[in-house]
Amino acid sequence: MKDYLPYLVGGLAGMLIAILLSSLLALTGTPQLILFGLLPAVGGAVAERVVQRRSGNS
């Protein structure tokens, strides 16, 4: 479970950013679905990669 923590934190951050952008830009429909599909996955991947680089486990 510890190995998944950076991905989960990044996914949560991506979801929060998606919610914020969706409400600020008043997105609906397909753009909103794309935003909620991409940002959590990208946030998780970036956070996981940053943690791997810092720990030297690349």
C-alpha atoms as a PDB file:
ATOM      1  CA  MET A   1       0.000   0.000   0.000  1.00  0.00           C
ATOM      2  CA  LYS A   2       2.891   2.353   0.744  1.00  0.00           C
ATOM      3  CA  ASP A   3       4.022   2.154  -2.893  1.00  0.00           C
ATOM      4  CA  TYR A   4       0.639   3.436  -4.081  1.00  0.00           C
ATOM      5  CA  LEU A   5       0.508   6.412  -1.730  1.00  0.00           C
ATOM      6  CA  PRO A   6       2.209   8.940  -4.071  1.00  0.00           C
ATOM      7  CA  TYR A   7      -0.133   7.955  -6.908  1.00  0.00           C
ATOM      8  CA  LEU A   8      -3.189   8.254  -4.669  1.00  0.00           C
ATOM      9  CA  VAL A   9      -2.110  11.674  -3.377  1.00  0.00           C
ATOM     10  CA  GLY A  10      -1.440  12.896  -6.925  1.00  0.00           C
ATOM     11  CA  GLY A  11      -4.776  11.510  -8.090  1.00  0.00           C
ATOM     12  CA  LEU A  12      -6.570  13.304  -5.270  1.00  0.00           C
ATOM     13  CA  ALA A  13      -4.755  16.549  -6.127  1.00  0.00           C
ATOM     14  CA  GLY A  14      -5.721  16.115  -9.780  1.00  0.00           C
ATOM     15  CA  MET A  15      -9.334  15.534  -8.806  1.00  0.00           C
ATOM     16  CA  LEU A  16      -9.394  18.666  -6.653  1.00  0.00           C
ATOM     17  CA  ILE A  17      -7.912  20.704  -9.505  1.00  0.00           C
ATOM     18  CA  ALA A  18     -10.498  19.234 -11.889  1.00  0.00           C
ATOM     19  CA  ILE A  19     -13.320  20.211  -9.539  1.00  0.00           C
ATOM     20  CA  LEU A  20     -11.906  23.714  -9.171  1.00  0.00           C
ATOM     21  CA  LEU A  21     -11.443  24.229 -12.925  1.00  0.00           C
ATOM     22  CA  SER A  22     -14.844  22.769 -13.707  1.00  0.00           C
ATOM     23  CA  SER A  23     -16.581  25.146 -11.342  1.00  0.00           C
ATOM     24  CA  LEU A  24     -14.532  28.197 -12.346  1.00  0.00           C
ATOM     25  CA  LEU A  25     -14.975  27.641 -16.078  1.00  0.00           C
ATOM     26  CA  ALA A  26     -18.576  26.345 -15.757  1.00  0.00           C
ATOM     27  CA  LEU A  27     -17.763  23.302 -17.871  1.00  0.00           C
ATOM     28  CA  THR A  28     -20.436  20.750 -18.702  1.00  0.00           C
ATOM     29  CA  GLY A  29     -20.698  17.693 -20.902  1.00  0.00           C
ATOM     30  CA  THR A  30     -17.735  16.272 -22.766  1.00  0.00           C
ATOM     31  CA  PRO A  31     -15.115  18.855 -21.696  1.00  0.00           C
ATOM     32  CA  GLN A  32     -15.964  18.177 -18.059  1.00  0.00           C
ATOM     33  CA  LEU A  33     -15.700  14.415 -18.583  1.00  0.00           C
ATOM     34  CA  ILE A  34     -12.320  14.786 -20.254  1.00  0.00           C
ATOM     35  CA  LEU A  35     -11.102  17.030 -17.429  1.00  0.00           C
ATOM     36  CA  PHE A  36     -12.210  14.550 -14.750  1.00  0.00           C
ATOM     37  CA  GLY A  37     -10.717  11.659 -16.700  1.00  0.00           C
ATOM     38  CA  LEU A  38      -7.306  13.134 -17.423  1.00  0.00           C
ATOM     39  CA  LEU A  39      -6.302  15.304 -14.478  1.00  0.00           C
ATOM     40  CA  PRO A  40      -6.448  12.644 -11.731  1.00  0.00           C
ATOM     41  CA  ALA A  41      -4.480  10.173 -13.865  1.00  0.00           C
ATOM     42  CA  VAL A  42      -1.888  12.759 -14.886  1.00  0.00           C
ATOM     43  CA  GLY A  43      -1.613  14.085 -11.323  1.00  0.00           C
ATOM     44  CA  GLY A  44      -1.039  10.595  -9.988  1.00  0.00           C
ATOM     45  CA  ALA A  45       1.572   9.767 -12.605  1.00  0.00           C
ATOM     46  CA  VAL A  46       3.478  13.008 -12.059  1.00  0.00           C
ATOM     47  CA  ALA A  47       3.447  12.642  -8.266  1.00  0.00           C
ATOM     48  CA  GLU A  48       4.634   9.043  -8.501  1.00  0.00           C
ATOM     49  CA  ARG A  49       7.440  10.003 -10.873  1.00  0.00           C
ATOM     50  CA  VAL A  50       8.589  12.874  -8.636  1.00  0.00           C
ATOM     51  CA  VAL A  51       8.752  10.588  -5.614  1.00  0.00           C
ATOM     52  CA  GLN A  52      10.687   7.961  -7.576  1.00  0.00           C
ATOM     53  CA  ARG A  53      13.241  10.520  -8.772  1.00  0.00           C
ATOM     54  CA  ARG A  54      13.733  11.943  -5.280  1.00  0.00           C
ATOM     55  CA  SER A  55      14.283   8.519  -3.760  1.00  0.00           C
ATOM     56  CA  GLY A  56      16.580   7.406  -6.580  1.00  0.00           C
ATOM     57  CA  ASN A  57      14.463   4.399  -7.544  1.00  0.00           C
ATOM     58  CA  SER A  58      14.174   5.255 -11.223  1.00  0.00           C
END
